[in-house]
Protein backbone atom coordinates (compact mmCIF):
# COMPACT_ATOMS: atom_id res chain seq x y z
CA MET A 1 -2.73 11.12 -34.75
CA THR A 2 -0.97 8.51 -32.63
CA THR A 3 1.12 5.70 -34.04
CA ASP A 4 1.85 2.23 -32.81
CA LEU A 5 4.55 2.00 -30.18
CA PRO A 6 6.92 -0.96 -29.89
CA GLY A 7 5.08 -3.92 -28.40
CA ALA A 8 6.01 -5.78 -25.24
CA GLU A 9 5.20 -9.05 -23.56
CA ILE A 10 3.91 -7.19 -20.50
CA VAL A 11 2.33 -3.74 -20.20
CA ILE A 12 1.91 -2.36 -16.68
CA VAL A 13 -0.61 0.44 -16.21
CA GLY A 14 0.27 2.72 -13.30
CA GLY A 15 3.55 4.33 -12.26
CA GLY A 16 3.16 4.30 -8.49
CA ALA A 17 4.95 2.06 -6.03
CA VAL A 18 2.78 -0.97 -6.87
CA GLY A 19 3.26 -0.67 -10.63
CA CYS A 20 6.99 0.01 -10.36
CA GLY A 21 7.34 -2.76 -7.79
CA ALA A 22 5.55 -5.16 -10.10
CA ALA A 23 7.91 -4.25 -12.95
CA TYR A 24 10.91 -4.74 -10.65
CA ALA A 25 9.77 -8.16 -9.46
CA LEU A 26 8.92 -9.39 -12.95
CA ALA A 27 12.22 -8.12 -14.36
CA ARG A 28 14.14 -9.78 -11.52
CA ALA A 29 12.32 -13.00 -12.42
CA GLY A 30 13.61 -12.77 -16.00
CA LYS A 31 10.74 -10.96 -17.72
CA ARG A 32 12.56 -8.02 -19.27
CA ASP A 33 10.19 -7.21 -22.17
CA ILE A 34 8.08 -4.84 -20.10
CA VAL A 35 6.59 -1.40 -20.74
CA LEU A 36 5.18 0.62 -17.84
CA VAL A 37 2.60 3.22 -18.88
CA GLU A 38 1.86 6.24 -16.69
CA ARG A 39 -0.60 9.03 -17.59
CA GLU A 40 1.25 11.68 -15.53
CA ASP A 41 4.50 13.20 -16.76
CA ASP A 42 6.46 11.50 -13.98
CA LEU A 43 6.18 8.53 -11.64
CA ALA A 44 4.61 8.41 -8.17
CA ARG A 45 2.57 11.58 -8.63
CA ILE A 46 -0.82 10.46 -7.26
CA THR A 47 -1.51 8.00 -4.41
CA THR A 48 2.14 7.09 -3.80
CA SER A 49 3.08 10.74 -3.33
CA GLN A 50 0.65 10.93 -0.41
CA GLY A 51 1.80 7.78 1.42
CA ALA A 52 2.70 7.93 5.11
CA GLY A 53 5.74 5.72 4.63
CA LEU A 54 5.41 3.20 7.50
CA ALA A 55 6.27 -0.44 6.82
CA GLY A 56 4.96 -2.81 9.48
CA GLN A 57 5.37 -6.58 9.35
CA VAL A 58 3.15 -7.62 12.28
CA ARG A 59 -0.02 -8.90 10.63
CA SER A 60 -2.88 -11.22 11.47
CA SER A 61 -1.90 -14.18 9.26
CA VAL A 62 1.32 -15.99 8.45
CA GLU A 63 0.90 -15.23 4.75
CA ARG A 64 0.49 -11.50 5.35
CA VAL A 65 3.48 -11.41 7.69
CA ARG A 66 5.64 -13.10 5.09
CA LEU A 67 4.42 -10.73 2.38
CA ALA A 68 5.40 -7.76 4.57
CA MET A 69 8.75 -9.38 5.37
CA ARG A 70 9.42 -9.73 1.64
CA SER A 71 8.69 -6.03 1.19
CA VAL A 72 11.10 -5.03 3.95
CA GLU A 73 13.75 -7.31 2.46
CA THR A 74 13.20 -5.56 -0.89
CA PHE A 75 13.57 -2.10 0.67
CA ARG A 76 16.84 -3.20 2.27
CA GLU A 77 18.09 -4.44 -1.11
CA LEU A 78 17.15 -1.19 -2.84
CA GLU A 79 18.78 0.90 -0.12
CA ARG A 80 22.17 -0.59 -1.01
CA ASP A 81 22.16 1.10 -4.42
CA PRO A 82 24.31 4.27 -4.34
CA VAL A 83 22.24 6.13 -6.95
CA ALA A 84 18.52 5.70 -6.20
CA ARG A 85 17.44 4.67 -2.72
CA PRO A 86 13.99 4.34 -1.13
CA GLY A 87 15.04 6.20 2.00
CA TRP A 88 14.64 3.04 4.06
CA ARG A 89 15.15 3.61 7.80
CA PRO A 90 15.00 0.42 9.93
CA VAL A 91 13.98 2.18 13.15
CA GLY A 92 11.69 -0.63 14.38
CA SER A 93 8.17 -0.23 15.74
CA LEU A 94 6.30 -0.31 19.02
CA ARG A 95 2.73 -1.62 19.23
CA ILE A 96 1.06 -0.58 22.47
CA ALA A 97 -1.85 -2.41 24.13
CA GLU A 98 -4.07 -0.47 26.51
CA THR A 99 -6.72 -3.11 27.33
CA PRO A 100 -6.64 -6.74 28.46
CA GLU A 101 -8.26 -7.74 25.16
CA ARG A 102 -5.50 -6.01 23.24
CA VAL A 103 -2.86 -7.76 25.35
CA GLU A 104 -4.42 -11.08 24.32
CA ASP A 105 -4.32 -9.87 20.73
CA LEU A 106 -0.59 -9.11 21.07
CA ASP A 107 -0.12 -12.68 22.32
CA ARG A 108 -1.90 -13.99 19.24
CA LEU A 109 0.05 -11.75 16.87
CA GLN A 110 3.30 -12.77 18.52
CA GLY A 111 2.41 -16.41 17.81
CA VAL A 112 1.63 -15.64 14.17
CA CYS A 113 4.94 -13.82 13.79
CA ALA A 114 6.86 -16.70 15.37
CA GLU A 115 5.30 -19.12 12.89
CA ALA A 116 6.21 -16.81 10.00
CA GLY A 117 9.79 -16.39 11.21
CA LEU A 118 9.52 -12.68 12.10
CA GLU A 119 11.45 -11.48 15.14
CA VAL A 120 9.23 -9.69 17.65
CA GLU A 121 9.45 -9.43 21.44
CA ARG A 122 7.42 -8.19 24.36
CA ILE A 123 9.35 -5.43 26.14
CA GLY A 124 8.83 -3.62 29.44
CA LEU A 125 7.51 -0.09 29.71
CA GLY A 126 10.90 1.19 30.81
CA GLU A 127 12.57 -0.20 27.69
CA ALA A 128 9.84 1.33 25.50
CA ALA A 129 10.39 4.73 27.16
CA ARG A 130 14.13 4.40 26.54
CA LEU A 131 13.51 3.74 22.84
CA TRP A 132 11.15 6.74 22.63
CA PRO A 133 12.11 9.45 25.15
CA GLY A 134 9.09 11.45 26.23
CA LEU A 135 6.62 8.66 25.47
CA GLU A 136 3.93 8.55 28.18
CA LEU A 137 2.93 4.95 28.91
CA SER A 138 0.68 5.24 31.97
CA SER A 139 -2.21 3.66 30.05
CA ALA A 140 -0.09 0.88 28.52
CA LYS A 141 -0.49 -2.71 29.63
CA ALA A 142 1.95 -4.28 27.15
CA VAL A 143 4.30 -3.28 24.33
CA LEU A 144 5.34 -5.38 21.36
CA LEU A 145 8.62 -4.48 19.62
CA CYS A 146 9.37 -5.41 16.02
CA PRO A 147 13.01 -4.34 15.58
CA THR A 148 13.10 -4.83 11.78
CA ASP A 149 10.11 -2.59 10.97
CA GLY A 150 10.81 0.86 9.63
CA CYS A 151 9.79 3.68 7.34
CA MET A 152 10.72 5.05 3.95
CA ASP A 153 9.99 7.89 1.54
CA PRO A 154 7.15 6.64 -0.71
CA PRO A 155 8.01 8.57 -3.91
CA SER A 156 11.64 7.48 -3.52
CA VAL A 157 10.47 3.87 -3.32
CA ALA A 158 8.90 4.14 -6.78
CA ARG A 159 11.96 5.92 -8.17
CA ALA A 160 14.29 3.29 -6.72
CA TYR A 161 12.26 0.53 -8.35
CA ALA A 162 12.29 2.42 -11.65
CA HIS A 163 16.05 2.94 -11.51
CA GLN A 164 16.64 -0.78 -11.11
CA CYS A 165 14.07 -1.58 -13.80
CA ARG A 166 15.71 0.67 -16.37
CA GLN A 167 19.02 -1.09 -15.77
CA MET A 168 17.25 -4.38 -16.58
CA GLY A 169 15.73 -3.04 -19.79
CA VAL A 170 12.21 -2.12 -18.66
CA ARG A 171 10.79 0.77 -20.67
CA PHE A 172 8.75 3.63 -19.19
CA VAL A 173 6.23 5.65 -21.19
CA THR A 174 4.94 8.70 -19.30
CA SER A 175 2.29 11.25 -20.30
CA ALA A 176 0.44 8.31 -21.83
CA ALA A 177 -3.19 7.86 -20.82
CA LEU A 178 -4.73 4.44 -21.28
CA GLU A 179 -7.82 4.77 -23.48
CA GLU A 180 -8.80 1.24 -24.44
CA ILE A 181 -7.80 -2.37 -23.93
CA ALA A 182 -8.04 -4.42 -27.11
CA VAL A 183 -9.42 -7.88 -26.34
CA LYS A 184 -9.65 -10.56 -29.00
CA GLY A 185 -11.14 -13.97 -28.35
CA SER A 186 -11.30 -13.38 -24.57
CA ARG A 187 -7.61 -12.49 -24.48
CA VAL A 188 -5.81 -9.16 -24.08
CA GLU A 189 -4.22 -8.09 -27.33
CA ALA A 190 -3.05 -4.51 -26.84
CA ALA A 191 -3.12 -1.37 -24.73
CA LEU A 192 -4.36 1.68 -26.63
CA THR A 193 -2.90 4.85 -25.14
CA SER A 194 -2.92 8.53 -26.01
CA ARG A 195 0.59 8.02 -27.37
CA GLY A 196 -0.17 4.94 -29.42
CA ARG A 197 -1.09 1.25 -29.44
CA ILE A 198 1.14 -1.20 -27.58
CA GLU A 199 0.71 -4.87 -28.49
CA CYS A 200 1.10 -7.11 -25.46
CA ARG A 201 0.45 -10.56 -24.06
CA TYR A 202 -0.25 -9.39 -20.51
CA LEU A 203 -1.66 -6.14 -19.17
CA VAL A 204 -1.16 -5.52 -15.44
CA ASP A 205 -3.65 -3.19 -13.78
CA ALA A 206 -1.76 -1.28 -11.07
CA ALA A 207 -3.74 1.93 -11.51
CA GLY A 208 -4.62 2.64 -7.87
CA ALA A 209 -7.78 4.73 -7.56
CA HIS A 210 -8.38 4.11 -11.28
CA ALA A 211 -7.89 0.33 -11.08
CA TYR A 212 -11.67 -0.11 -11.25
CA HIS A 213 -11.80 1.81 -14.55
CA VAL A 214 -8.93 -0.12 -16.12
CA ALA A 215 -10.66 -3.40 -15.23
CA ARG A 216 -13.87 -2.09 -16.82
CA LEU A 217 -11.98 -1.51 -20.08
CA ALA A 218 -11.33 -5.26 -20.08
CA GLY A 219 -15.00 -5.95 -19.37
CA LEU A 220 -14.53 -6.84 -15.70
CA GLU A 221 -16.43 -5.39 -12.74
CA LEU A 222 -14.35 -5.47 -9.56
CA PRO A 223 -15.23 -3.97 -6.15
CA ILE A 224 -12.20 -1.71 -5.81
CA VAL A 225 -13.37 1.08 -3.52
CA PRO A 226 -11.43 4.32 -2.87
CA VAL A 227 -11.68 5.31 0.81
CA ARG A 228 -10.32 8.61 2.13
CA HIS A 229 -7.26 8.51 4.34
CA GLU A 230 -5.49 11.46 5.97
CA TYR A 231 -2.49 12.20 8.15
CA PHE A 232 -0.52 15.30 9.02
CA VAL A 233 3.08 16.24 9.71
CA SER A 234 3.59 18.68 12.57
CA VAL A 235 6.06 21.49 12.93
CA ALA A 236 9.28 20.64 14.76
CA ILE A 237 8.78 19.43 18.33
CA PRO A 238 11.66 19.65 20.84
CA GLY A 239 12.83 16.24 21.99
CA ILE A 240 11.57 14.21 19.02
CA ARG A 241 14.40 11.96 17.90
CA PRO A 242 14.52 10.89 14.23
CA ASP A 243 15.69 7.39 15.19
CA SER A 244 12.72 6.66 17.45
CA PRO A 245 10.58 3.67 16.39
CA CYS A 246 7.30 3.96 14.55
CA LEU A 247 4.33 3.87 16.92
CA ARG A 248 1.12 1.91 16.52
CA LEU A 249 -1.63 2.65 19.00
CA PRO A 250 -4.42 0.30 17.95
CA ASP A 251 -6.78 1.05 20.83
CA ALA A 252 -6.71 4.72 19.79
CA ALA A 253 -6.72 3.77 16.05
CA LEU A 254 -3.55 5.84 15.49
CA TYR A 255 -0.08 5.50 14.05
CA ALA A 256 2.87 7.90 14.23
CA ARG A 257 6.53 8.30 13.39
CA PRO A 258 9.15 11.05 13.60
CA ALA A 259 9.27 13.19 10.47
CA ASP A 260 11.14 16.39 9.64
CA GLY A 261 11.83 17.20 13.28
CA GLY A 262 8.18 16.77 14.20
CA LEU A 263 5.65 13.96 14.03
CA LEU A 264 3.75 12.30 11.23
CA LEU A 265 0.40 11.33 12.75
CA GLY A 266 -2.44 9.45 11.10
CA GLY A 267 -5.42 7.39 12.09
CA TRP A 268 -8.43 5.40 11.00
CA GLU A 269 -11.85 7.01 11.06
CA GLY A 270 -14.76 5.24 12.67
CA ARG A 271 -17.03 6.76 10.03
CA SER A 272 -15.12 6.68 6.79
CA VAL A 273 -15.68 8.55 3.53
CA ARG A 274 -15.63 6.67 0.26
CA ALA A 275 -15.67 7.64 -3.40
CA ASP A 276 -17.71 5.78 -5.99
CA PRO A 277 -15.44 5.05 -8.95
CA ARG A 278 -18.53 4.73 -11.14
CA SER A 279 -19.08 8.48 -10.68
CA TYR A 280 -15.83 9.54 -12.39
CA GLY A 281 -14.07 8.23 -15.44
CA LEU A 282 -10.63 6.91 -16.27
CA GLY A 283 -9.59 10.28 -17.64
CA GLU A 284 -10.91 12.18 -14.63
CA ALA A 285 -9.45 12.74 -11.18
CA PRO A 286 -11.19 11.26 -8.13
CA PRO A 287 -13.21 13.75 -6.09
CA PRO A 288 -10.97 16.52 -4.69
CA LEU A 289 -9.99 16.23 -1.04
CA GLU A 290 -9.76 19.16 1.32
CA PRO A 291 -8.11 18.51 4.70
CA ASP A 292 -10.76 17.54 7.24
CA ARG A 293 -9.58 19.65 10.17
CA GLU A 294 -12.08 18.09 12.55
CA VAL A 295 -10.82 14.57 11.82
CA LEU A 296 -7.17 15.60 11.92
CA GLY A 297 -7.79 17.46 15.16
CA SER A 298 -9.30 14.31 16.68
CA PHE A 299 -6.13 12.42 15.79
CA ALA A 300 -4.05 15.06 17.59
CA GLU A 301 -6.33 15.04 20.62
CA ARG A 302 -6.21 11.25 20.96
CA PHE A 303 -2.44 11.22 20.52
CA ALA A 304 -1.53 14.00 22.97
CA PRO A 305 -1.64 11.79 26.12
CA PHE A 306 1.07 9.55 24.62
CA VAL A 307 3.49 12.34 23.67
CA PRO A 308 2.57 15.42 25.76
CA ALA A 309 5.22 17.50 23.99
CA ALA A 310 3.15 17.20 20.82
CA ARG A 311 0.06 18.80 22.37
CA GLY A 312 -0.95 21.89 20.40
CA ALA A 313 1.77 21.46 17.76
CA ALA A 314 0.73 23.11 14.50
CA MET A 315 0.32 21.13 11.31
CA ARG A 316 3.02 21.76 8.74
CA ARG A 317 1.40 19.77 5.94
CA VAL A 318 -1.43 17.31 5.38
CA GLY A 319 -1.25 14.08 3.43
CA LYS A 320 -4.49 12.84 1.91
CA GLY A 321 -5.57 10.44 -0.77
CA TRP A 322 -7.86 7.67 -1.97
CA PRO A 323 -6.25 4.28 -1.21
CA THR A 324 -8.45 1.44 -2.45
CA PHE A 325 -10.14 -1.20 -0.31
CA THR A 326 -11.87 -4.47 -1.08
CA PRO A 327 -14.88 -6.00 0.69
CA ASP A 328 -12.87 -8.92 2.07
CA GLY A 329 -9.82 -6.82 3.00
CA ARG A 330 -7.50 -8.78 0.70
CA PHE A 331 -5.41 -7.79 -2.29
CA ILE A 332 -6.59 -8.53 -5.82
CA ILE A 333 -3.59 -10.11 -7.53
CA GLY A 334 -3.31 -12.38 -10.53
CA GLU A 335 -4.64 -13.19 -13.98
CA SER A 336 -8.33 -13.26 -14.80
CA SER A 337 -9.66 -16.57 -16.10
CA ARG A 338 -12.42 -14.66 -17.90
CA VAL A 339 -10.08 -12.34 -19.84
CA LYS A 340 -6.75 -14.08 -20.27
CA GLY A 341 -3.76 -11.80 -20.08
CA PHE A 342 -5.55 -9.26 -17.89
CA VAL A 343 -3.72 -9.22 -14.55
CA MET A 344 -4.66 -7.38 -11.37
CA ALA A 345 -2.28 -5.79 -8.88
CA GLY A 346 -4.59 -3.60 -6.84
CA GLY A 347 -7.12 -3.29 -4.06
CA CYS A 348 -4.24 -2.99 -1.62
CA ASN A 349 -6.20 -1.86 1.48
CA ALA A 350 -3.69 0.90 2.32
CA HIS A 351 -0.74 -1.50 2.04
CA GLY A 352 0.26 -0.75 -1.54
CA ILE A 353 3.49 1.15 -0.90
CA SER A 354 4.62 -0.74 2.19
CA GLY A 355 3.59 -4.06 0.63
CA SER A 356 4.88 -3.39 -2.87
CA GLY A 357 7.81 -5.78 -2.64
CA GLY A 358 5.62 -8.62 -1.46
CA ILE A 359 2.88 -7.79 -3.96
CA GLY A 360 5.45 -8.01 -6.75
CA ALA A 361 6.61 -11.39 -5.47
CA LEU A 362 3.03 -12.68 -5.38
CA LEU A 363 2.45 -11.41 -8.89
CA VAL A 364 5.49 -13.34 -10.10
CA GLU A 365 4.27 -16.44 -8.29
CA SER A 366 0.75 -16.24 -9.71
CA LEU A 367 1.94 -15.66 -13.29
CA LEU A 368 5.13 -17.67 -13.60
CA GLU A 369 4.97 -20.59 -11.21
CA GLU A 370 3.33 -23.78 -12.39
CA ARG A 371 1.67 -24.35 -9.02
CA PRO A 372 1.10 -21.11 -7.13
CA SER A 373 0.39 -21.38 -3.42
CA GLU A 374 -3.14 -21.56 -2.11
CA TYR A 375 -2.69 -18.04 -0.75
CA ALA A 376 -1.67 -16.64 -4.14
CA ARG A 377 -4.62 -18.35 -5.80
CA SER A 378 -7.00 -16.97 -3.18
CA LEU A 379 -6.20 -13.39 -4.25
CA SER A 380 -7.35 -13.90 -7.84
CA PRO A 381 -9.83 -11.44 -9.37
CA ASP A 382 -11.93 -14.52 -10.19
CA ARG A 383 -13.35 -14.46 -6.67
CA PHE A 384 -15.40 -11.44 -7.73
CA THR A 385 -15.99 -12.07 -11.44
CA GLU A 386 -17.20 -15.64 -11.11
CA ARG A 387 -19.98 -14.94 -8.63
CA SER A 388 -22.63 -12.27 -8.25
CA TRP A 389 -22.30 -9.44 -5.75
CA ASP A 390 -24.00 -6.15 -5.02
CA TRP A 391 -21.98 -2.97 -5.46
CA GLU A 392 -23.47 -1.02 -2.56
CA ALA A 393 -23.07 -3.93 -0.16
CA ALA A 394 -19.50 -4.52 -1.34
CA ALA A 395 -18.66 -0.82 -0.93
CA ARG A 396 -20.01 -0.81 2.61
CA GLU A 397 -17.92 -3.86 3.46
CA ALA A 398 -14.82 -2.18 1.98
CA GLN A 399 -15.47 0.84 4.19
CA ARG A 400 -15.86 -1.47 7.16
CA VAL A 401 -12.42 -2.94 6.42
CA TYR A 402 -11.02 0.59 6.68
CA GLU A 403 -12.98 1.45 9.81
CA ARG A 404 -11.95 -1.77 11.57
CA TYR A 405 -8.31 -1.62 10.52
CA TYR A 406 -7.12 -2.12 14.12
CA ALA A 407 -10.02 -4.30 15.22
CA ILE A 408 -9.03 -7.17 17.50
CA GLU A 409 -9.94 -9.81 14.94
CA SER A 410 -7.84 -8.20 12.14
CA CYS A 411 -4.64 -6.14 12.08
């Protein structure tokens, strides 16, 4: 039999980078009466453990650029701690255009970044080759450099957040599965876990591929769609320098970075695979994923012309998971007006880890500021609960967001 656990003002469900980042941001804002609940026996065991670790700030809107900038600023802050660091490496990034249309897109993105205050610059092919020795640029028409981009170790990001949180008094309860959400009078009252009941005023849903199920416990239906994503890390490749920038090759729908003496290489599938969260429960794992060798091989084949030394390099390990996507390609952040005290921090469209610092800041803004920005308000779960929508249509649109990740009209 379980017993009641000490209550808290805020309960956060989910111990990945988003949940830990939310706890960090709220604690920094003065909310120290927080309990984070994680069903695994340690943090960052599920989606976060499979993250690729790139943090890019070049986005298609000023608001998204500033959110990414806030995340990078947070990683820099965390890296200064001598005990628990996120493994932040500010190596920069190169975005390569291979078509005239993509060159125009770089022009547009450069304008968005200038408005947001992010430093980016167009560099020549010779300079790009100097930054990444062995990079073949015969197909390139333009290269955009963001010198403050970088990469990190995703599980270390969550642990760094948690270290700071514990110093500020945040409590962590692991091996505790959420079973029910007590709602009284259209307001959250408590989280009922396998280790006991926790009275709370706010419950933050940062449960990743189970965010849909947590919302259902509060009586809310949200189109949070898990879509498969894969990458691989190769064996060591001679000539790969660990300080080379991250690469983004949008015309090939690929990204890459040095990793463990080789390359981490991932991409976006033109025909994606989704899971239906209605087909598995909160206490069940999402469908198991086996490495799709055909898809991974296509990534390698498309990448080989850019780094010929990588051609034929064996795969050392494969990263795979179910990041969640939304039909409009935007986060779901903020308190529900239908169930007061129920707060979303999910539907991150593969930007959960890299965007965790900015997501936390938006969560603080939406909950604590008297007049949140129009952008923060636009991310509310109310946009789905206060109108009708069709699940199958929404799921197809979420897949389309994944499949068009590097489309000209959205980055």
